[in-house]
């Protein structure tokens, strides 16, 4: 039995993991979806990058979990990676689902053309506004799944995207799996690609888009269920 702490990316909360969590529990695992500060039911809570790192660490402590697998989707790969380093030997594996990898001194927006995001944050009182339905085209989602995401999404605290990660050691020194969603590009890029040069990291792929917890929750749960145990 594995305890999974599941953290969704920008605009989303714990609700995004409902179907994946149900599949993991049916397979005998512990599944603990987490909403980060400032999102979903935690709207209004001030949040920067380190707030989200503390959210993850504090959840592991609050639940009294001895050993965990930390799963971060998209943006959440950045706070999850930092939390994993802080938790050290308590983390059996880090899983990044089509997301960004934490690098010391760099933020979520580092390494890609982020001016439109920064401008949107400045124009919306420090929040990254939720995308509309058109932004989810070509990602393997049904109209109903898109509607569910759009209805549940909340504006994302901008400071969490622009503040730098703080890493005592590289994420490549921890065991990990990177799950690449092929409809969102066939190859991991940037720091994620560098992670996969580590002998401690492995690559898994899914034939779907950037939101597999909605488009292919059973398949995502099967990948998590089949993760190798820590050596």
Protein backbone atom coordinates (compact mmCIF):
# COMPACT_ATOMS: atom_id res chain seq x y z
CA UNK A 1 0.00 0.00 0.00
CA UNK A 2 1.30 3.43 -1.00
CA UNK A 3 0.21 6.81 0.30
CA UNK A 4 -0.14 9.25 -2.58
CA UNK A 5 -0.36 13.01 -1.99
CA UNK A 6 -1.93 14.43 -5.15
CA UNK A 7 -1.46 18.10 -6.05
CA UNK A 8 -3.10 19.62 -9.12
CA UNK A 9 -1.74 22.43 -11.24
CA UNK A 10 -2.81 26.03 -11.76
CA UNK A 11 -6.46 26.98 -11.20
CA UNK A 12 -7.37 23.59 -9.72
CA UNK A 13 -7.94 22.10 -6.29
CA UNK A 14 -8.22 18.70 -4.65
CA UNK A 15 -11.51 18.16 -6.51
CA UNK A 16 -9.58 17.59 -9.75
CA UNK A 17 -8.28 14.26 -8.42
CA UNK A 18 -11.63 12.71 -7.46
CA UNK A 19 -11.66 9.99 -10.12
CA UNK A 20 -7.94 9.17 -9.83
CA UNK A 21 -8.16 9.02 -6.04
CA UNK A 22 -11.12 6.66 -6.22
CA UNK A 23 -9.19 4.31 -8.51
CA UNK A 24 -6.12 4.35 -6.24
CA UNK A 25 -8.21 3.61 -3.16
CA UNK A 26 -9.92 0.74 -4.97
CA UNK A 27 -6.45 -0.67 -5.63
CA UNK A 28 -5.67 -0.56 -1.90
CA UNK A 29 -3.67 2.66 -1.72
CA UNK A 30 -4.04 5.80 0.33
CA UNK A 31 -4.96 8.80 -1.85
CA UNK A 32 -4.76 12.29 -0.38
CA UNK A 33 -5.69 15.09 -2.81
CA UNK A 34 -4.55 18.52 -1.64
CA UNK A 35 -5.81 22.01 -2.43
CA UNK A 36 -3.06 24.63 -2.37
CA UNK A 37 -3.56 27.97 -0.63
CA UNK A 38 -5.48 30.57 -2.61
CA UNK A 39 -7.33 28.05 -4.78
CA UNK A 40 -10.75 26.33 -4.78
CA UNK A 41 -12.08 26.16 -1.21
CA UNK A 42 -8.95 28.01 -0.01
CA UNK A 43 -9.61 31.13 -2.08
CA UNK A 44 -8.68 34.31 -0.24
CA UNK A 45 -5.69 32.76 1.55
CA UNK A 46 -2.57 34.78 0.59
CA UNK A 47 -0.04 32.59 -1.19
CA UNK A 48 3.45 32.77 -2.59
CA UNK A 49 5.64 29.96 -3.87
CA UNK A 50 6.89 28.98 -0.42
CA UNK A 51 3.33 28.96 0.90
CA UNK A 52 2.56 26.16 -1.53
CA UNK A 53 5.68 24.25 -0.55
CA UNK A 54 4.61 24.46 3.10
CA UNK A 55 1.12 23.33 2.13
CA UNK A 56 2.55 20.06 0.83
CA UNK A 57 4.96 19.49 3.71
CA UNK A 58 2.30 20.37 6.30
CA UNK A 59 -0.21 17.97 4.70
CA UNK A 60 2.21 15.06 4.99
CA UNK A 61 2.80 16.00 8.64
CA UNK A 62 -0.90 16.55 9.39
CA UNK A 63 -1.87 13.17 7.98
CA UNK A 64 0.92 11.46 9.90
CA UNK A 65 2.18 9.76 6.77
CA UNK A 66 5.46 7.93 7.23
CA UNK A 67 6.40 7.31 3.60
CA UNK A 68 4.73 8.97 0.64
CA UNK A 69 4.72 9.41 -3.10
CA UNK A 70 4.26 13.07 -4.01
CA UNK A 71 2.43 13.72 -7.28
CA UNK A 72 2.47 17.17 -8.87
CA UNK A 73 0.57 18.06 -12.03
CA UNK A 74 1.72 20.93 -14.26
CA UNK A 75 2.54 23.98 -12.08
CA UNK A 76 2.45 21.82 -8.95
CA UNK A 77 5.63 20.06 -10.01
CA UNK A 78 7.49 23.12 -8.69
CA UNK A 79 6.20 23.16 -5.08
CA UNK A 80 6.03 19.36 -4.95
CA UNK A 81 9.69 19.07 -5.95
CA UNK A 82 10.74 21.49 -3.23
CA UNK A 83 8.59 19.70 -0.65
CA UNK A 84 10.14 16.38 -1.64
CA UNK A 85 13.64 17.68 -0.99
CA UNK A 86 12.57 19.01 2.40
CA UNK A 87 10.88 15.75 3.39
CA UNK A 88 13.88 13.72 2.27
CA UNK A 89 13.76 10.00 3.08
CA UNK A 90 10.03 10.15 3.78
CA UNK A 91 9.43 10.50 0.04
CA UNK A 92 9.61 7.20 -1.82
CA UNK A 93 9.13 8.83 -5.22
CA UNK A 94 8.31 12.14 -6.88
CA UNK A 95 5.90 12.04 -9.81
CA UNK A 96 5.51 15.01 -12.15
CA UNK A 97 2.50 14.81 -14.44
CA UNK A 98 3.22 16.82 -17.61
CA UNK A 99 4.61 19.59 -15.45
CA UNK A 100 7.50 21.81 -14.50
CA UNK A 101 10.45 20.68 -12.43
CA UNK A 102 11.76 22.73 -9.53
CA UNK A 103 15.21 24.28 -10.00
CA UNK A 104 16.91 26.32 -7.28
CA UNK A 105 16.52 30.04 -7.94
CA UNK A 106 14.11 29.63 -10.85
CA UNK A 107 10.37 30.14 -10.90
CA UNK A 108 7.51 28.39 -12.68
CA UNK A 109 7.68 30.94 -15.49
CA UNK A 110 11.42 30.49 -16.09
CA UNK A 111 12.51 29.02 -19.41
CA UNK A 112 9.46 29.65 -21.59
CA UNK A 113 7.89 32.72 -23.25
CA UNK A 114 5.99 33.94 -20.22
CA UNK A 115 5.36 37.62 -20.99
CA UNK A 116 1.65 37.06 -21.72
CA UNK A 117 1.22 35.32 -18.36
CA UNK A 118 3.03 38.08 -16.49
CA UNK A 119 0.93 40.70 -18.27
CA UNK A 120 -2.27 38.83 -17.41
CA UNK A 121 -1.24 38.67 -13.74
CA UNK A 122 -0.53 42.41 -13.70
CA UNK A 123 -3.89 43.13 -15.33
CA UNK A 124 -5.89 40.97 -12.90
CA UNK A 125 -4.82 42.21 -9.47
CA UNK A 126 -2.02 39.70 -9.07
CA UNK A 127 -3.89 36.60 -10.25
CA UNK A 128 -3.53 34.44 -13.34
CA UNK A 129 -7.09 34.37 -14.68
CA UNK A 130 -8.81 31.09 -15.48
CA UNK A 131 -8.72 29.99 -19.12
CA UNK A 132 -11.91 29.74 -21.14
CA UNK A 133 -13.13 26.56 -22.79
CA UNK A 134 -11.30 27.26 -26.05
CA UNK A 135 -7.94 26.85 -24.26
CA UNK A 136 -8.63 23.13 -23.76
CA UNK A 137 -9.11 22.27 -27.43
CA UNK A 138 -7.00 19.40 -28.77
CA UNK A 139 -6.29 17.95 -25.33
CA UNK A 140 -8.37 14.79 -25.53
CA UNK A 141 -11.19 16.15 -23.38
CA UNK A 142 -14.91 15.80 -23.93
CA UNK A 143 -17.15 18.86 -23.83
CA UNK A 144 -18.42 17.69 -20.45
CA UNK A 145 -14.90 17.37 -19.08
CA UNK A 146 -13.97 20.84 -20.32
CA UNK A 147 -17.12 22.28 -18.76
CA UNK A 148 -16.23 20.64 -15.45
CA UNK A 149 -12.73 22.13 -15.45
CA UNK A 150 -13.94 25.60 -16.40
CA UNK A 151 -16.69 25.54 -13.78
CA UNK A 152 -14.35 24.44 -10.99
CA UNK A 153 -11.33 26.57 -11.87
CA UNK A 154 -10.33 29.56 -9.74
CA UNK A 155 -7.88 32.34 -10.52
CA UNK A 156 -4.33 31.37 -9.55
CA UNK A 157 -2.20 33.50 -7.15
CA UNK A 158 0.39 35.15 -9.37
CA UNK A 159 3.17 35.30 -6.78
CA UNK A 160 3.37 31.51 -6.73
CA UNK A 161 4.32 31.59 -10.42
CA UNK A 162 6.96 34.31 -10.22
CA UNK A 163 8.76 33.61 -6.94
CA UNK A 164 11.86 31.35 -7.15
CA UNK A 165 12.19 27.80 -5.95
CA UNK A 166 14.49 27.08 -3.00
CA UNK A 167 16.24 23.72 -3.31
CA UNK A 168 18.87 22.44 -0.88
CA UNK A 169 19.81 19.78 -3.45
CA UNK A 170 18.75 18.93 -7.01
CA UNK A 171 15.55 17.02 -7.58
CA UNK A 172 17.52 14.60 -9.75
CA UNK A 173 18.96 13.09 -6.55
CA UNK A 174 15.53 11.72 -5.54
CA UNK A 175 13.74 8.81 -7.27
CA UNK A 176 11.15 10.06 -9.71
CA UNK A 177 8.84 9.46 -12.63
CA UNK A 178 7.93 12.02 -15.27
CA UNK A 179 4.60 11.38 -17.03
CA UNK A 180 4.51 13.02 -20.46
CA UNK A 181 1.10 13.61 -22.02
CA UNK A 182 1.74 13.30 -25.73
CA UNK A 183 -1.03 15.52 -27.07
CA UNK A 184 0.68 18.40 -25.24
CA UNK A 185 4.02 17.75 -26.96
CA UNK A 186 5.99 14.56 -27.40
CA UNK A 187 9.10 15.42 -25.38
CA UNK A 188 9.69 16.83 -21.89
CA UNK A 189 11.54 20.12 -22.11
CA UNK A 190 13.82 22.28 -20.01
CA UNK A 191 14.50 21.14 -16.47
CA UNK A 192 12.16 18.17 -16.91
CA UNK A 193 14.29 16.83 -19.76
CA UNK A 194 17.39 17.27 -17.62
CA UNK A 195 15.78 15.27 -14.81
CA UNK A 196 15.42 12.30 -17.11
CA UNK A 197 19.17 12.13 -17.60
CA UNK A 198 19.37 10.98 -13.96
CA UNK A 199 19.46 7.22 -13.40
CA UNK A 200 16.93 7.75 -10.61
CA UNK A 201 14.24 9.09 -12.95
CA UNK A 202 12.10 7.29 -15.49
CA UNK A 203 9.72 8.41 -18.23
CA UNK A 204 6.13 7.26 -18.71
CA UNK A 205 3.84 8.47 -21.49
CA UNK A 206 0.09 8.86 -21.91
CA UNK A 207 -1.73 9.24 -25.20
CA UNK A 208 -3.79 12.19 -24.01
CA UNK A 209 -3.50 15.89 -23.28
CA UNK A 210 -2.34 18.02 -20.39
CA UNK A 211 -5.27 17.17 -18.11
CA UNK A 212 -5.13 13.36 -17.71
CA UNK A 213 -6.91 13.33 -14.34
CA UNK A 214 -9.99 14.32 -16.36
CA UNK A 215 -9.37 12.76 -19.77
CA UNK A 216 -7.87 9.42 -18.66
CA UNK A 217 -8.18 9.04 -14.87
CA UNK A 218 -8.15 5.23 -14.92
CA UNK A 219 -5.03 5.12 -17.06
CA UNK A 220 -3.27 7.68 -14.85
CA UNK A 221 -4.19 5.71 -11.73
CA UNK A 222 -2.83 2.53 -13.33
CA UNK A 223 0.53 4.21 -13.96
CA UNK A 224 0.67 5.38 -10.35
CA UNK A 225 -0.35 1.94 -9.08
CA UNK A 226 2.47 0.33 -11.08
CA UNK A 227 5.27 2.64 -9.93
CA UNK A 228 8.38 0.72 -8.84
CA UNK A 229 9.06 0.58 -5.11
CA UNK A 230 11.92 2.60 -3.71
CA UNK A 231 15.15 0.62 -3.74
